[in-house]
Amino acid sequence: MGTDTSIGCFRSSSLIATYPAMRFTAVTAQGIQPGAFKKRVREFATLTADSLHRQDPARETNLLEFEKFFRSHQRPFPLTKQISEAATRGFPPVPSPVLALLALEAATGVLLGVQDLDAVEGHITLDALEVGESFTGMRGEEISCAPGEVVVRDAKAIIASLFQGPDRRTAVKSDSRNILFYVFDTGAGLGAGHDHAVEVIADLFPAQVADATTVHSASRPG
């Protein structure tokens, strides 16, 4: 993994005051080789789908922690059902970046995000909203976020909500060559579960798949 200053990753003062234990880490993969990436992701997805029939205490712990956090905010947590469906039917036929996201979430039990790095404006910040805001969702719908909601924003606007998903402007495409993944956390903090998810993402991009893979950990207000 190299050193890359093209994007910064931060936690806002509001986020830190509200959820001091909540971490935020981004992994960027740049110069992706489409053929090698597709092969790598499909192999990883197959291995992950096979593993879902076996008990994985770490994955189950992560899922339980996210379920608890979502439930405390009266929000449905979709990942548990998504993993159950993958164990039964496998992953759906989706573009490689999306398949990577689904398989990585299933492998770790950690909620993740993926975006087109080239569409992101400036740095990214995990924020707890002080006032309500809205953004355009992936399907073009307006998504309203309440005060206190945890969101990811770039220099221009919100690009994702922890509870409600990503935006349209920075949506990853099948031919995206530079990709941004980020690892969410719970209010209490996942600890080693967060670290493991970061490692699994980075391991998906060896030198033959991407020119540079970089981990960006947020540790101060932005």
C-alpha atoms as a PDB file:
ATOM      1  CA  MET A   1       0.000   0.000   0.000  1.00  0.00           C
ATOM      2  CA  GLY A   2       1.270   3.438  -0.889  1.00  0.00           C
ATOM      3  CA  THR A   3       0.958   6.991   0.320  1.00  0.00           C
ATOM      4  CA  ASP A   4      -1.763   9.009  -1.382  1.00  0.00           C
ATOM      5  CA  THR A   5      -2.697  12.587  -0.580  1.00  0.00           C
ATOM      6  CA  SER A   6      -5.472  12.869  -3.180  1.00  0.00           C
ATOM      7  CA  ILE A   7      -8.201  12.462  -0.560  1.00  0.00           C
ATOM      8  CA  GLY A   8      -8.466  13.110   3.142  1.00  0.00           C
ATOM      9  CA  CYS A   9     -10.700  11.220   5.552  1.00  0.00           C
ATOM     10  CA  PHE A  10     -12.044  12.975   8.651  1.00  0.00           C
ATOM     11  CA  ARG A  11     -14.571  12.867  11.483  1.00  0.00           C
ATOM     12  CA  SER A  12     -16.407  16.113  12.209  1.00  0.00           C
ATOM     13  CA  SER A  13     -16.460  17.747  15.632  1.00  0.00           C
ATOM     14  CA  SER A  14     -20.187  17.037  15.795  1.00  0.00           C
ATOM     15  CA  LEU A  15     -19.611  13.326  15.059  1.00  0.00           C
ATOM     16  CA  ILE A  16     -16.889  13.051  17.686  1.00  0.00           C
ATOM     17  CA  ALA A  17     -19.058  14.785  20.297  1.00  0.00           C
ATOM     18  CA  THR A  18     -22.015  12.514  19.536  1.00  0.00           C
ATOM     19  CA  TYR A  19     -20.197   9.217  18.941  1.00  0.00           C
ATOM     20  CA  PRO A  20     -16.631   9.457  20.260  1.00  0.00           C
ATOM     21  CA  ALA A  21     -15.978   5.723  19.733  1.00  0.00           C
ATOM     22  CA  MET A  22     -17.247   5.678  16.121  1.00  0.00           C
ATOM     23  CA  ARG A  23     -14.365   5.263  13.680  1.00  0.00           C
ATOM     24  CA  PHE A  24     -14.253   5.965   9.956  1.00  0.00           C
ATOM     25  CA  THR A  25     -11.746   4.524   7.501  1.00  0.00           C
ATOM     26  CA  ALA A  26     -11.495   4.820   3.728  1.00  0.00           C
ATOM     27  CA  VAL A  27      -9.660   2.541   1.313  1.00  0.00           C
ATOM     28  CA  THR A  28      -8.912   3.850  -2.171  1.00  0.00           C
ATOM     29  CA  ALA A  29      -8.014   1.601  -5.096  1.00  0.00           C
ATOM     30  CA  GLN A  30      -6.598   3.509  -8.055  1.00  0.00           C
ATOM     31  CA  GLY A  31      -5.660   2.406 -11.543  1.00  0.00           C
ATOM     32  CA  ILE A  32      -7.874  -0.682 -11.416  1.00  0.00           C
ATOM     33  CA  GLN A  33      -7.291  -3.228 -14.176  1.00  0.00           C
ATOM     34  CA  PRO A  34     -10.844  -4.197 -15.242  1.00  0.00           C
ATOM     35  CA  GLY A  35     -10.155  -7.788 -16.313  1.00  0.00           C
ATOM     36  CA  ALA A  36      -8.038  -8.655 -13.298  1.00  0.00           C
ATOM     37  CA  PHE A  37     -10.483  -6.913 -10.972  1.00  0.00           C
ATOM     38  CA  LYS A  38     -13.482  -8.784 -12.369  1.00  0.00           C
ATOM     39  CA  LYS A  39     -11.704 -12.139 -11.973  1.00  0.00           C
ATOM     40  CA  ARG A  40     -10.513 -11.319  -8.459  1.00  0.00           C
ATOM     41  CA  VAL A  41     -13.946 -10.154  -7.296  1.00  0.00           C
ATOM     42  CA  ARG A  42     -15.786 -13.157  -8.726  1.00  0.00           C
ATOM     43  CA  GLU A  43     -13.372 -15.557  -7.040  1.00  0.00           C
ATOM     44  CA  PHE A  44     -13.733 -13.696  -3.743  1.00  0.00           C
ATOM     45  CA  ALA A  45     -17.533 -13.640  -4.036  1.00  0.00           C
ATOM     46  CA  THR A  46     -17.642 -17.398  -4.676  1.00  0.00           C
ATOM     47  CA  LEU A  47     -15.445 -18.129  -1.658  1.00  0.00           C
ATOM     48  CA  THR A  48     -17.496 -15.774   0.486  1.00  0.00           C
ATOM     49  CA  ALA A  49     -20.822 -17.301  -0.558  1.00  0.00           C
ATOM     50  CA  ASP A  50     -19.483 -20.762   0.315  1.00  0.00           C
ATOM     51  CA  SER A  51     -18.295 -19.519   3.717  1.00  0.00           C
ATOM     52  CA  LEU A  52     -21.739 -18.208   4.674  1.00  0.00           C
ATOM     53  CA  HIS A  53     -22.861 -21.757   5.497  1.00  0.00           C
ATOM     54  CA  ARG A  54     -20.285 -21.915   8.289  1.00  0.00           C
ATOM     55  CA  GLN A  55     -20.417 -20.171  11.638  1.00  0.00           C
ATOM     56  CA  ASP A  56     -18.235 -17.075  11.921  1.00  0.00           C
ATOM     57  CA  PRO A  57     -18.387 -15.607  15.455  1.00  0.00           C
ATOM     58  CA  ALA A  58     -16.626 -12.375  14.444  1.00  0.00           C
ATOM     59  CA  ARG A  59     -19.033 -11.727  11.571  1.00  0.00           C
ATOM     60  CA  GLU A  60     -22.024 -12.550  13.770  1.00  0.00           C
ATOM     61  CA  THR A  61     -20.796 -10.179  16.482  1.00  0.00           C
ATOM     62  CA  ASN A  62     -20.431  -7.337  13.980  1.00  0.00           C
ATOM     63  CA  LEU A  63     -23.927  -7.937  12.623  1.00  0.00           C
ATOM     64  CA  LEU A  64     -25.424  -7.964  16.114  1.00  0.00           C
ATOM     65  CA  GLU A  65     -23.688  -4.687  16.990  1.00  0.00           C
ATOM     66  CA  PHE A  66     -24.981  -2.991  13.830  1.00  0.00           C
ATOM     67  CA  GLU A  67     -28.477  -4.380  14.373  1.00  0.00           C
ATOM     68  CA  LYS A  68     -28.456  -2.962  17.907  1.00  0.00           C
ATOM     69  CA  PHE A  69     -27.278   0.451  16.697  1.00  0.00           C
ATOM     70  CA  PHE A  70     -29.846   0.639  13.897  1.00  0.00           C
ATOM     71  CA  ARG A  71     -32.629  -0.538  16.215  1.00  0.00           C
ATOM     72  CA  SER A  72     -31.758   2.192  18.718  1.00  0.00           C
ATOM     73  CA  HIS A  73     -32.529   4.696  15.949  1.00  0.00           C
ATOM     74  CA  GLN A  74     -35.706   2.889  14.796  1.00  0.00           C
ATOM     75  CA  ARG A  75     -34.049   2.010  11.491  1.00  0.00           C
ATOM     76  CA  PRO A  76     -34.101  -1.333   9.656  1.00  0.00           C
ATOM     77  CA  PHE A  77     -30.710  -2.976   9.194  1.00  0.00           C
ATOM     78  CA  PRO A  78     -30.652  -4.643   5.737  1.00  0.00           C
ATOM     79  CA  LEU A  79     -27.331  -6.464   5.845  1.00  0.00           C
ATOM     80  CA  THR A  80     -28.412  -9.518   7.864  1.00  0.00           C
ATOM     81  CA  LYS A  81     -31.184 -10.359   5.378  1.00  0.00           C
ATOM     82  CA  GLN A  82     -28.854  -9.601   2.455  1.00  0.00           C
ATOM     83  CA  ILE A  83     -26.300 -12.110   3.770  1.00  0.00           C
ATOM     84  CA  SER A  84     -28.989 -14.742   4.375  1.00  0.00           C
ATOM     85  CA  GLU A  85     -30.154 -14.394   0.762  1.00  0.00           C
ATOM     86  CA  ALA A  86     -26.571 -14.659  -0.505  1.00  0.00           C
ATOM     87  CA  ALA A  87     -26.111 -17.880   1.471  1.00  0.00           C
ATOM     88  CA  THR A  88     -29.215 -19.338  -0.178  1.00  0.00           C
ATOM     89  CA  ARG A  89     -29.015 -18.002  -3.732  1.00  0.00           C
ATOM     90  CA  GLY A  90     -25.543 -16.529  -4.117  1.00  0.00           C
ATOM     91  CA  PHE A  91     -24.865 -12.924  -5.037  1.00  0.00           C
ATOM     92  CA  PRO A  92     -26.884 -11.175  -7.758  1.00  0.00           C
ATOM     93  CA  PRO A  93     -25.412 -10.471 -11.226  1.00  0.00           C
ATOM     94  CA  VAL A  94     -24.145  -6.926 -10.660  1.00  0.00           C
ATOM     95  CA  PRO A  95     -21.102  -4.937 -11.875  1.00  0.00           C
ATOM     96  CA  SER A  96     -17.771  -5.824 -10.284  1.00  0.00           C
ATOM     97  CA  PRO A  97     -17.533  -2.815  -7.903  1.00  0.00           C
ATOM     98  CA  VAL A  98     -21.011  -3.546  -6.527  1.00  0.00           C
ATOM     99  CA  LEU A  99     -20.297  -7.269  -6.267  1.00  0.00           C
ATOM    100  CA  ALA A 100     -17.132  -6.424  -4.365  1.00  0.00           C
ATOM    101  CA  LEU A 101     -19.161  -4.353  -1.897  1.00  0.00           C
ATOM    102  CA  LEU A 102     -21.756  -7.086  -1.364  1.00  0.00           C
ATOM    103  CA  ALA A 103     -19.158  -9.807  -0.917  1.00  0.00           C
ATOM    104  CA  LEU A 104     -17.003  -7.703   1.418  1.00  0.00           C
ATOM    105  CA  GLU A 105     -19.992  -6.873   3.617  1.00  0.00           C
ATOM    106  CA  ALA A 106     -21.025 -10.534   3.706  1.00  0.00           C
ATOM    107  CA  ALA A 107     -17.492 -11.672   4.531  1.00  0.00           C
ATOM    108  CA  THR A 108     -17.077  -9.255   7.433  1.00  0.00           C
ATOM    109  CA  GLY A 109     -20.561  -8.426   8.716  1.00  0.00           C
ATOM    110  CA  VAL A 110     -19.564  -4.760   8.575  1.00  0.00           C
ATOM    111  CA  LEU A 111     -21.539  -2.084   6.753  1.00  0.00           C
ATOM    112  CA  LEU A 112     -19.465  -0.525   3.974  1.00  0.00           C
ATOM    113  CA  GLY A 113     -19.817   2.019   1.203  1.00  0.00           C
ATOM    114  CA  VAL A 114     -18.372   2.249  -2.296  1.00  0.00           C
ATOM    115  CA  GLN A 115     -18.176   5.317  -4.501  1.00  0.00           C
ATOM    116  CA  ASP A 116     -16.486   6.490  -7.697  1.00  0.00           C
ATOM    117  CA  LEU A 117     -13.377   8.260  -6.417  1.00  0.00           C
ATOM    118  CA  ASP A 118     -13.193  10.506  -9.484  1.00  0.00           C
ATOM    119  CA  ALA A 119     -16.674  11.886  -8.730  1.00  0.00           C
ATOM    120  CA  VAL A 120     -15.841  12.791  -5.122  1.00  0.00           C
ATOM    121  CA  GLU A 121     -15.106  16.484  -4.536  1.00  0.00           C
ATOM    122  CA  GLY A 122     -12.219  17.092  -2.128  1.00  0.00           C
ATOM    123  CA  HIS A 123     -11.999  15.267   1.189  1.00  0.00           C
ATOM    124  CA  ILE A 124     -14.645  13.080   2.850  1.00  0.00           C
ATOM    125  CA  THR A 125     -15.961  13.587   6.363  1.00  0.00           C
ATOM    126  CA  LEU A 126     -18.132  11.440   8.609  1.00  0.00           C
ATOM    127  CA  ASP A 127     -20.586  13.833  10.187  1.00  0.00           C
ATOM    128  CA  ALA A 128     -23.478  13.813  12.658  1.00  0.00           C
ATOM    129  CA  LEU A 129     -25.905  16.398  11.303  1.00  0.00           C
ATOM    130  CA  GLU A 130     -26.664  19.388  13.485  1.00  0.00           C
ATOM    131  CA  VAL A 131     -29.634  20.336  11.287  1.00  0.00           C
ATOM    132  CA  GLY A 132     -31.654  18.351   8.771  1.00  0.00           C
ATOM    133  CA  GLU A 133     -30.325  18.102   5.215  1.00  0.00           C
ATOM    134  CA  SER A 134     -31.217  16.220   2.042  1.00  0.00           C
ATOM    135  CA  PHE A 135     -29.426  14.723  -0.955  1.00  0.00           C
ATOM    136  CA  THR A 136     -30.262  12.915  -4.179  1.00  0.00           C
ATOM    137  CA  GLY A 137     -30.232   9.141  -3.770  1.00  0.00           C
ATOM    138  CA  MET A 138     -28.992   6.557  -6.250  1.00  0.00           C
ATOM    139  CA  ARG A 139     -32.372   6.279  -7.973  1.00  0.00           C
ATOM    140  CA  GLY A 140     -32.851  10.039  -8.223  1.00  0.00           C
ATOM    141  CA  GLU A 141     -35.101  10.288  -5.173  1.00  0.00           C
ATOM    142  CA  GLU A 142     -34.683  13.003  -2.554  1.00  0.00           C
ATOM    143  CA  ILE A 143     -33.429  11.541   0.718  1.00  0.00           C
ATOM    144  CA  SER A 144     -34.138  13.573   3.845  1.00  0.00           C
ATOM    145  CA  CYS A 145     -31.762  13.236   6.787  1.00  0.00           C
ATOM    146  CA  ALA A 146     -32.756  14.216  10.304  1.00  0.00           C
ATOM    147  CA  PRO A 147     -30.637  16.121  12.825  1.00  0.00           C
ATOM    148  CA  GLY A 148     -28.206  13.697  14.459  1.00  0.00           C
ATOM    149  CA  GLU A 149     -28.140  11.352  11.445  1.00  0.00           C
ATOM    150  CA  VAL A 150     -24.701  10.018  10.512  1.00  0.00           C
ATOM    151  CA  VAL A 151     -23.684  10.901   6.955  1.00  0.00           C
ATOM    152  CA  VAL A 152     -20.621  10.988   4.722  1.00  0.00           C
ATOM    153  CA  ARG A 153     -20.030  14.267   2.947  1.00  0.00           C
ATOM    154  CA  ASP A 154     -17.467  15.555   0.485  1.00  0.00           C
ATOM    155  CA  ALA A 155     -16.657  19.214  -0.179  1.00  0.00           C
ATOM    156  CA  LYS A 156     -19.874  19.625  -2.167  1.00  0.00           C
ATOM    157  CA  ALA A 157     -22.667  17.751  -0.372  1.00  0.00           C
ATOM    158  CA  ILE A 158     -23.739  14.559   1.403  1.00  0.00           C
ATOM    159  CA  ILE A 159     -22.661  11.478  -0.558  1.00  0.00           C
ATOM    160  CA  ALA A 160     -24.133   8.809   1.721  1.00  0.00           C
ATOM    161  CA  SER A 161     -26.195   8.227   4.836  1.00  0.00           C
ATOM    162  CA  LEU A 162     -25.296   5.446   7.255  1.00  0.00           C
ATOM    163  CA  PHE A 163     -28.982   4.557   7.520  1.00  0.00           C
ATOM    164  CA  GLN A 164     -30.223   5.375   4.005  1.00  0.00           C
ATOM    165  CA  GLY A 165     -27.453   4.605   1.540  1.00  0.00           C
ATOM    166  CA  PRO A 166     -25.414   6.430  -1.118  1.00  0.00           C
ATOM    167  CA  ASP A 167     -26.051   9.325  -3.457  1.00  0.00           C
ATOM    168  CA  ARG A 168     -26.375   9.470  -7.224  1.00  0.00           C
ATOM    169  CA  ARG A 169     -23.600  11.944  -8.051  1.00  0.00           C
ATOM    170  CA  THR A 170     -20.740   9.763  -6.838  1.00  0.00           C
ATOM    171  CA  ALA A 171     -22.313   6.372  -7.597  1.00  0.00           C
ATOM    172  CA  VAL A 172     -19.775   3.769  -8.664  1.00  0.00           C
ATOM    173  CA  LYS A 173     -19.959   2.636 -12.293  1.00  0.00           C
ATOM    174  CA  SER A 174     -19.112  -0.668 -13.948  1.00  0.00           C
ATOM    175  CA  ASP A 175     -16.113   0.995 -15.633  1.00  0.00           C
ATOM    176  CA  SER A 176     -14.851   3.006 -12.641  1.00  0.00           C
ATOM    177  CA  ARG A 177     -11.059   2.811 -12.561  1.00  0.00           C
ATOM    178  CA  ASN A 178     -10.588   4.609  -9.247  1.00  0.00           C
ATOM    179  CA  ILE A 179     -12.779   3.445  -6.387  1.00  0.00           C
ATOM    180  CA  LEU A 180     -13.400   4.646  -2.847  1.00  0.00           C
ATOM    181  CA  PHE A 181     -14.515   2.161  -0.187  1.00  0.00           C
ATOM    182  CA  TYR A 182     -15.247   3.248   3.352  1.00  0.00           C
ATOM    183  CA  VAL A 183     -15.876   1.313   6.527  1.00  0.00           C
ATOM    184  CA  PHE A 184     -18.685   2.384   8.830  1.00  0.00           C
ATOM    185  CA  ASP A 185     -18.828   1.755  12.569  1.00  0.00           C
ATOM    186  CA  THR A 186     -21.347   1.651  15.395  1.00  0.00           C
ATOM    187  CA  GLY A 187     -21.849   4.129  18.201  1.00  0.00           C
ATOM    188  CA  ALA A 188     -20.031   1.867  20.647  1.00  0.00           C
ATOM    189  CA  GLY A 189     -17.274   1.042  18.158  1.00  0.00           C
ATOM    190  CA  LEU A 190     -16.489  -2.353  16.614  1.00  0.00           C
ATOM    191  CA  GLY A 191     -12.803  -2.313  17.511  1.00  0.00           C
ATOM    192  CA  ALA A 192     -11.036  -5.259  15.870  1.00  0.00           C
ATOM    193  CA  GLY A 193     -14.054  -5.853  13.629  1.00  0.00           C
ATOM    194  CA  HIS A 194     -13.503  -2.466  11.985  1.00  0.00           C
ATOM    195  CA  ASP A 195      -9.786  -3.146  11.525  1.00  0.00           C
ATOM    196  CA  HIS A 196     -10.446  -6.551   9.985  1.00  0.00           C
ATOM    197  CA  ALA A 197     -12.875  -5.102   7.444  1.00  0.00           C
ATOM    198  CA  VAL A 198     -10.235  -2.582   6.356  1.00  0.00           C
ATOM    199  CA  GLU A 199      -7.698  -5.378   5.885  1.00  0.00           C
ATOM    200  CA  VAL A 200     -10.099  -7.514   3.838  1.00  0.00           C
ATOM    201  CA  ILE A 201     -10.847  -4.617   1.490  1.00  0.00           C
ATOM    202  CA  ALA A 202      -7.163  -3.810   0.993  1.00  0.00           C
ATOM    203  CA  ASP A 203      -6.344  -7.470   0.345  1.00  0.00           C
ATOM    204  CA  LEU A 204      -8.822  -7.502  -2.545  1.00  0.00           C
ATOM    205  CA  PHE A 205      -6.516  -5.214  -4.524  1.00  0.00           C
ATOM    206  CA  PRO A 206      -3.054  -6.747  -5.014  1.00  0.00           C
ATOM    207  CA  ALA A 207      -0.614  -5.115  -7.426  1.00  0.00           C
ATOM    208  CA  GLN A 208      -1.968  -6.977 -10.453  1.00  0.00           C
ATOM    209  CA  VAL A 209      -5.468  -5.615  -9.803  1.00  0.00           C
ATOM    210  CA  ALA A 210      -4.785  -1.965  -8.912  1.00  0.00           C
ATOM    211  CA  ASP A 211      -1.809   0.362  -9.287  1.00  0.00           C
ATOM    212  CA  ALA A 212      -2.179   1.741  -5.753  1.00  0.00           C
ATOM    213  CA  THR A 213      -4.272   0.766  -2.729  1.00  0.00           C
ATOM    214  CA  THR A 214      -4.230   3.169   0.224  1.00  0.00           C
ATOM    215  CA  VAL A 215      -5.839   3.176   3.657  1.00  0.00           C
ATOM    216  CA  HIS A 216      -6.970   6.555   5.038  1.00  0.00           C
ATOM    217  CA  SER A 217      -7.941   6.578   8.729  1.00  0.00           C
ATOM    218  CA  ALA A 218      -9.942   9.466  10.150  1.00  0.00           C
ATOM    219  CA  SER A 219      -8.714  10.642  13.531  1.00  0.00           C
ATOM    220  CA  ARG A 220      -9.433  14.351  13.785  1.00  0.00           C
ATOM    221  CA  PRO A 221     -12.175  16.863  12.949  1.00  0.00           C
ATOM    222  CA  GLY A 222     -12.347  18.018   9.344  1.00  0.00           C
END
